[in-house]
Amino acid sequence: MKTKFLFAILAAILLSPLASAQAKATDPHLAKAIELRGQATSAYDAGNYDLATELAKRAKAELRLVSAKAAGGAQADLPASYTVRLIPGDRDCLSKIAGYPFVYGDRNEWVRLYRANKATLKHPENADLLLPGEVLQIPSISGENREGEWQEGVEYPSLK
């Protein structure tokens, strides 16, 4: 049911004036959102609801970037949370995450992430131990607008 609602929202947005032929031709984020919506619809029709939901979320994130541009905003929203990933050979850790350009662009800011998430970490006594699937909140440090969860494949503005 939630997935059907999400598709209805995406369909309404993609049929809006924002999705004019000219906008489709000039905005790569809108083109990507339309592509992802098509993939999500195919996944939904095939009964793969988890994939359909993930693709719809990615399309929505792309549309946020389109909306920010259309509103004349200099920067799109940055993610407010990040889910720790299992990256073989290059494990996610607080300093690595803090160094991502869409987080802080500075590995030394890991302490800020640790303090903000200490109460929810599975092993708060060991700041070096993050487990895949843990969700970290990313507090704003310079008034930047943060919203939603980080989505792989979405281009965010850099704080570097």
C-alpha atoms as a PDB file:
ATOM      1  CA  MET A   1       0.000   0.000   0.000  1.00  0.00           C
ATOM      2  CA  LYS A   2       2.797   2.408   0.899  1.00  0.00           C
ATOM      3  CA  THR A   3       4.530   1.611  -2.396  1.00  0.00           C
ATOM      4  CA  LYS A   4       1.357   2.385  -4.384  1.00  0.00           C
ATOM      5  CA  PHE A   5       1.099   5.724  -2.591  1.00  0.00           C
ATOM      6  CA  LEU A   6       4.746   6.517  -3.381  1.00  0.00           C
ATOM      7  CA  PHE A   7       4.162   5.698  -7.055  1.00  0.00           C
ATOM      8  CA  ALA A   8       1.113   7.964  -7.123  1.00  0.00           C
ATOM      9  CA  ILE A   9       3.201  10.832  -5.755  1.00  0.00           C
ATOM     10  CA  LEU A  10       6.001  10.203  -8.254  1.00  0.00           C
ATOM     11  CA  ALA A  11       3.523  10.021 -11.135  1.00  0.00           C
ATOM     12  CA  ALA A  12       1.964  13.347 -10.115  1.00  0.00           C
ATOM     13  CA  ILE A  13       5.363  15.009  -9.873  1.00  0.00           C
ATOM     14  CA  LEU A  14       6.591  13.630 -13.163  1.00  0.00           C
ATOM     15  CA  LEU A  15       3.417  14.779 -14.924  1.00  0.00           C
ATOM     16  CA  SER A  16       3.717  18.301 -13.511  1.00  0.00           C
ATOM     17  CA  PRO A  17       4.942  21.292 -15.553  1.00  0.00           C
ATOM     18  CA  LEU A  18       8.370  20.668 -14.011  1.00  0.00           C
ATOM     19  CA  ALA A  19       8.614  17.609 -16.250  1.00  0.00           C
ATOM     20  CA  SER A  20       8.146  19.534 -19.493  1.00  0.00           C
ATOM     21  CA  ALA A  21       9.951  18.306 -22.594  1.00  0.00           C
ATOM     22  CA  GLN A  22      12.477  21.146 -22.282  1.00  0.00           C
ATOM     23  CA  ALA A  23      13.191  20.347 -18.628  1.00  0.00           C
ATOM     24  CA  LYS A  24      13.632  16.655 -19.454  1.00  0.00           C
ATOM     25  CA  ALA A  25      16.167  17.542 -22.123  1.00  0.00           C
ATOM     26  CA  THR A  26      18.197  19.923 -19.957  1.00  0.00           C
ATOM     27  CA  ASP A  27      18.048  18.507 -16.435  1.00  0.00           C
ATOM     28  CA  PRO A  28      19.983  15.265 -15.876  1.00  0.00           C
ATOM     29  CA  HIS A  29      18.338  14.777 -12.467  1.00  0.00           C
ATOM     30  CA  LEU A  30      14.865  14.821 -13.988  1.00  0.00           C
ATOM     31  CA  ALA A  31      15.956  12.418 -16.714  1.00  0.00           C
ATOM     32  CA  LYS A  32      17.414  10.100 -14.046  1.00  0.00           C
ATOM     33  CA  ALA A  33      14.215  10.341 -11.972  1.00  0.00           C
ATOM     34  CA  ILE A  34      12.120   9.361 -14.984  1.00  0.00           C
ATOM     35  CA  GLU A  35      14.457   6.451 -15.739  1.00  0.00           C
ATOM     36  CA  LEU A  36      14.332   5.259 -12.117  1.00  0.00           C
ATOM     37  CA  ARG A  37      10.530   5.554 -12.077  1.00  0.00           C
ATOM     38  CA  GLY A  38      10.356   3.300 -15.140  1.00  0.00           C
ATOM     39  CA  GLN A  39      12.618   0.760 -13.466  1.00  0.00           C
ATOM     40  CA  ALA A  40      10.564   0.967 -10.271  1.00  0.00           C
ATOM     41  CA  THR A  41       7.340   0.391 -12.192  1.00  0.00           C
ATOM     42  CA  SER A  42       8.844  -2.663 -13.905  1.00  0.00           C
ATOM     43  CA  ALA A  43      10.062  -4.044 -10.573  1.00  0.00           C
ATOM     44  CA  TYR A  44       6.631  -3.447  -9.038  1.00  0.00           C
ATOM     45  CA  ASP A  45       4.854  -5.165 -11.923  1.00  0.00           C
ATOM     46  CA  ALA A  46       7.243  -8.124 -11.512  1.00  0.00           C
ATOM     47  CA  GLY A  47       6.311  -8.383  -7.824  1.00  0.00           C
ATOM     48  CA  ASN A  48       9.708  -7.233  -6.536  1.00  0.00           C
ATOM     49  CA  TYR A  49       8.289  -4.699  -4.068  1.00  0.00           C
ATOM     50  CA  ASP A  50      11.501  -4.124  -2.117  1.00  0.00           C
ATOM     51  CA  LEU A  51      13.410  -3.181  -5.266  1.00  0.00           C
ATOM     52  CA  ALA A  52      10.484  -1.082  -6.491  1.00  0.00           C
ATOM     53  CA  THR A  53      10.444   0.845  -3.221  1.00  0.00           C
ATOM     54  CA  GLU A  54      14.223   1.409  -3.313  1.00  0.00           C
ATOM     55  CA  LEU A  55      14.104   2.642  -6.911  1.00  0.00           C
ATOM     56  CA  ALA A  56      11.156   4.934  -6.110  1.00  0.00           C
ATOM     57  CA  LYS A  57      13.098   6.428  -3.181  1.00  0.00           C
ATOM     58  CA  ARG A  58      16.066   7.077  -5.462  1.00  0.00           C
ATOM     59  CA  ALA A  59      13.755   8.733  -8.008  1.00  0.00           C
ATOM     60  CA  LYS A  60      12.328  10.921  -5.246  1.00  0.00           C
ATOM     61  CA  ALA A  61      15.849  11.941  -4.180  1.00  0.00           C
ATOM     62  CA  GLU A  62      16.646  12.923  -7.769  1.00  0.00           C
ATOM     63  CA  LEU A  63      13.445  14.964  -7.895  1.00  0.00           C
ATOM     64  CA  ARG A  64      14.513  16.845  -4.750  1.00  0.00           C
ATOM     65  CA  LEU A  65      17.584  17.983  -6.675  1.00  0.00           C
ATOM     66  CA  VAL A  66      15.382  19.125  -9.580  1.00  0.00           C
ATOM     67  CA  SER A  67      13.103  21.028  -7.184  1.00  0.00           C
ATOM     68  CA  ALA A  68      16.065  22.760  -5.552  1.00  0.00           C
ATOM     69  CA  LYS A  69      17.297  23.952  -8.949  1.00  0.00           C
ATOM     70  CA  ALA A  70      13.813  25.048 -10.044  1.00  0.00           C
ATOM     71  CA  ALA A  71      13.398  27.067  -6.860  1.00  0.00           C
ATOM     72  CA  GLY A  72      16.668  28.833  -7.593  1.00  0.00           C
ATOM     73  CA  GLY A  73      18.418  27.202  -4.685  1.00  0.00           C
ATOM     74  CA  ALA A  74      22.172  27.157  -4.833  1.00  0.00           C
ATOM     75  CA  GLN A  75      22.379  23.754  -3.193  1.00  0.00           C
ATOM     76  CA  ALA A  76      20.123  20.759  -2.875  1.00  0.00           C
ATOM     77  CA  ASP A  77      19.516  19.165   0.474  1.00  0.00           C
ATOM     78  CA  LEU A  78      22.232  17.090   2.036  1.00  0.00           C
ATOM     79  CA  PRO A  79      21.356  13.792   3.692  1.00  0.00           C
ATOM     80  CA  ALA A  80      20.418  13.884   7.383  1.00  0.00           C
ATOM     81  CA  SER A  81      21.257  10.219   7.942  1.00  0.00           C
ATOM     82  CA  TYR A  82      23.580   7.558   6.610  1.00  0.00           C
ATOM     83  CA  THR A  83      23.281   3.777   6.856  1.00  0.00           C
ATOM     84  CA  VAL A  84      26.579   2.026   7.541  1.00  0.00           C
ATOM     85  CA  ARG A  85      27.478  -0.241   4.633  1.00  0.00           C
ATOM     86  CA  LEU A  86      29.478  -3.445   4.416  1.00  0.00           C
ATOM     87  CA  ILE A  87      32.308  -2.543   2.082  1.00  0.00           C
ATOM     88  CA  PRO A  88      34.726  -5.483   1.779  1.00  0.00           C
ATOM     89  CA  GLY A  89      38.312  -4.371   2.249  1.00  0.00           C
ATOM     90  CA  ASP A  90      37.367  -0.762   3.016  1.00  0.00           C
ATOM     91  CA  ARG A  91      35.116  -0.835   6.059  1.00  0.00           C
ATOM     92  CA  ASP A  92      32.863   2.113   6.920  1.00  0.00           C
ATOM     93  CA  CYS A  93      34.067   3.879  10.057  1.00  0.00           C
ATOM     94  CA  LEU A  94      33.245   7.217  11.663  1.00  0.00           C
ATOM     95  CA  SER A  95      36.275   9.038  10.264  1.00  0.00           C
ATOM     96  CA  LYS A  96      35.672   7.710   6.744  1.00  0.00           C
ATOM     97  CA  ILE A  97      31.984   8.684   6.903  1.00  0.00           C
ATOM     98  CA  ALA A  98      32.799  12.157   8.272  1.00  0.00           C
ATOM     99  CA  GLY A  99      35.205  12.586   5.356  1.00  0.00           C
ATOM    100  CA  TYR A 100      32.549  11.968   2.699  1.00  0.00           C
ATOM    101  CA  PRO A 101      31.967  15.305   0.908  1.00  0.00           C
ATOM    102  CA  PHE A 102      28.186  15.112   1.528  1.00  0.00           C
ATOM    103  CA  VAL A 103      28.737  14.585   5.281  1.00  0.00           C
ATOM    104  CA  TYR A 104      31.458  17.035   6.403  1.00  0.00           C
ATOM    105  CA  GLY A 105      34.324  16.585   3.956  1.00  0.00           C
ATOM    106  CA  ASP A 106      36.647  16.337   6.972  1.00  0.00           C
ATOM    107  CA  ARG A 107      37.639  13.036   8.570  1.00  0.00           C
ATOM    108  CA  ASN A 108      38.504  14.877  11.798  1.00  0.00           C
ATOM    109  CA  GLU A 109      34.794  15.593  12.376  1.00  0.00           C
ATOM    110  CA  TRP A 110      34.233  11.921  13.333  1.00  0.00           C
ATOM    111  CA  VAL A 111      33.836  12.972  16.980  1.00  0.00           C
ATOM    112  CA  ARG A 112      30.763  15.039  16.064  1.00  0.00           C
ATOM    113  CA  LEU A 113      29.178  11.949  14.480  1.00  0.00           C
ATOM    114  CA  TYR A 114      30.129   9.817  17.472  1.00  0.00           C
ATOM    115  CA  ARG A 115      28.589  12.218  20.005  1.00  0.00           C
ATOM    116  CA  ALA A 116      25.399  12.581  17.977  1.00  0.00           C
ATOM    117  CA  ASN A 117      24.933   8.818  17.635  1.00  0.00           C
ATOM    118  CA  LYS A 118      26.511   7.355  20.784  1.00  0.00           C
ATOM    119  CA  ALA A 119      23.135   6.555  22.359  1.00  0.00           C
ATOM    120  CA  THR A 120      22.009   4.493  19.349  1.00  0.00           C
ATOM    121  CA  LEU A 121      25.218   2.632  18.476  1.00  0.00           C
ATOM    122  CA  LYS A 122      25.234  -1.102  19.186  1.00  0.00           C
ATOM    123  CA  HIS A 123      28.736  -0.830  20.671  1.00  0.00           C
ATOM    124  CA  PRO A 124      29.009   2.754  22.001  1.00  0.00           C
ATOM    125  CA  GLU A 125      32.061   1.862  24.098  1.00  0.00           C
ATOM    126  CA  ASN A 126      34.041   1.257  20.895  1.00  0.00           C
ATOM    127  CA  ALA A 127      33.917   4.202  18.481  1.00  0.00           C
ATOM    128  CA  ASP A 128      35.848   2.140  15.924  1.00  0.00           C
ATOM    129  CA  LEU A 129      33.172  -0.552  15.675  1.00  0.00           C
ATOM    130  CA  LEU A 130      30.250   0.238  13.417  1.00  0.00           C
ATOM    131  CA  LEU A 131      28.017  -2.531  12.167  1.00  0.00           C
ATOM    132  CA  PRO A 132      26.423  -2.608   8.712  1.00  0.00           C
ATOM    133  CA  GLY A 133      22.838  -1.424   8.914  1.00  0.00           C
ATOM    134  CA  GLU A 134      23.375   1.030  11.772  1.00  0.00           C
ATOM    135  CA  VAL A 135      21.820   4.373  10.890  1.00  0.00           C
ATOM    136  CA  LEU A 136      23.837   7.458  11.786  1.00  0.00           C
ATOM    137  CA  GLN A 137      22.259  10.889  12.147  1.00  0.00           C
ATOM    138  CA  ILE A 138      24.320  13.664  10.548  1.00  0.00           C
ATOM    139  CA  PRO A 139      23.960  16.906  12.507  1.00  0.00           C
ATOM    140  CA  SER A 140      24.301  20.177  10.627  1.00  0.00           C
ATOM    141  CA  ILE A 141      27.469  22.082  11.517  1.00  0.00           C
ATOM    142  CA  SER A 142      27.214  25.209   9.404  1.00  0.00           C
ATOM    143  CA  GLY A 143      23.506  25.720   8.858  1.00  0.00           C
ATOM    144  CA  GLU A 144      23.318  23.437   5.830  1.00  0.00           C
ATOM    145  CA  ASN A 145      19.908  21.989   5.060  1.00  0.00           C
ATOM    146  CA  ARG A 146      19.845  18.243   5.781  1.00  0.00           C
ATOM    147  CA  GLU A 147      16.889  16.032   5.010  1.00  0.00           C
ATOM    148  CA  GLY A 148      16.256  12.349   4.371  1.00  0.00           C
ATOM    149  CA  GLU A 149      18.648   9.446   4.145  1.00  0.00           C
ATOM    150  CA  TRP A 150      21.711   9.182   1.936  1.00  0.00           C
ATOM    151  CA  GLN A 151      20.948   7.400  -1.327  1.00  0.00           C
ATOM    152  CA  GLU A 152      23.640   5.726  -3.403  1.00  0.00           C
ATOM    153  CA  GLY A 153      23.890   7.162  -6.884  1.00  0.00           C
ATOM    154  CA  VAL A 154      22.476  10.575  -5.975  1.00  0.00           C
ATOM    155  CA  GLU A 155      24.790  13.528  -6.484  1.00  0.00           C
ATOM    156  CA  TYR A 156      24.853  15.774  -3.428  1.00  0.00           C
ATOM    157  CA  PRO A 157      26.609  19.095  -3.096  1.00  0.00           C
ATOM    158  CA  SER A 158      30.037  18.886  -1.538  1.00  0.00           C
ATOM    159  CA  LEU A 159      30.951  20.569   1.743  1.00  0.00           C
ATOM    160  CA  LYS A 160      34.660  20.487   0.816  1.00  0.00           C
END
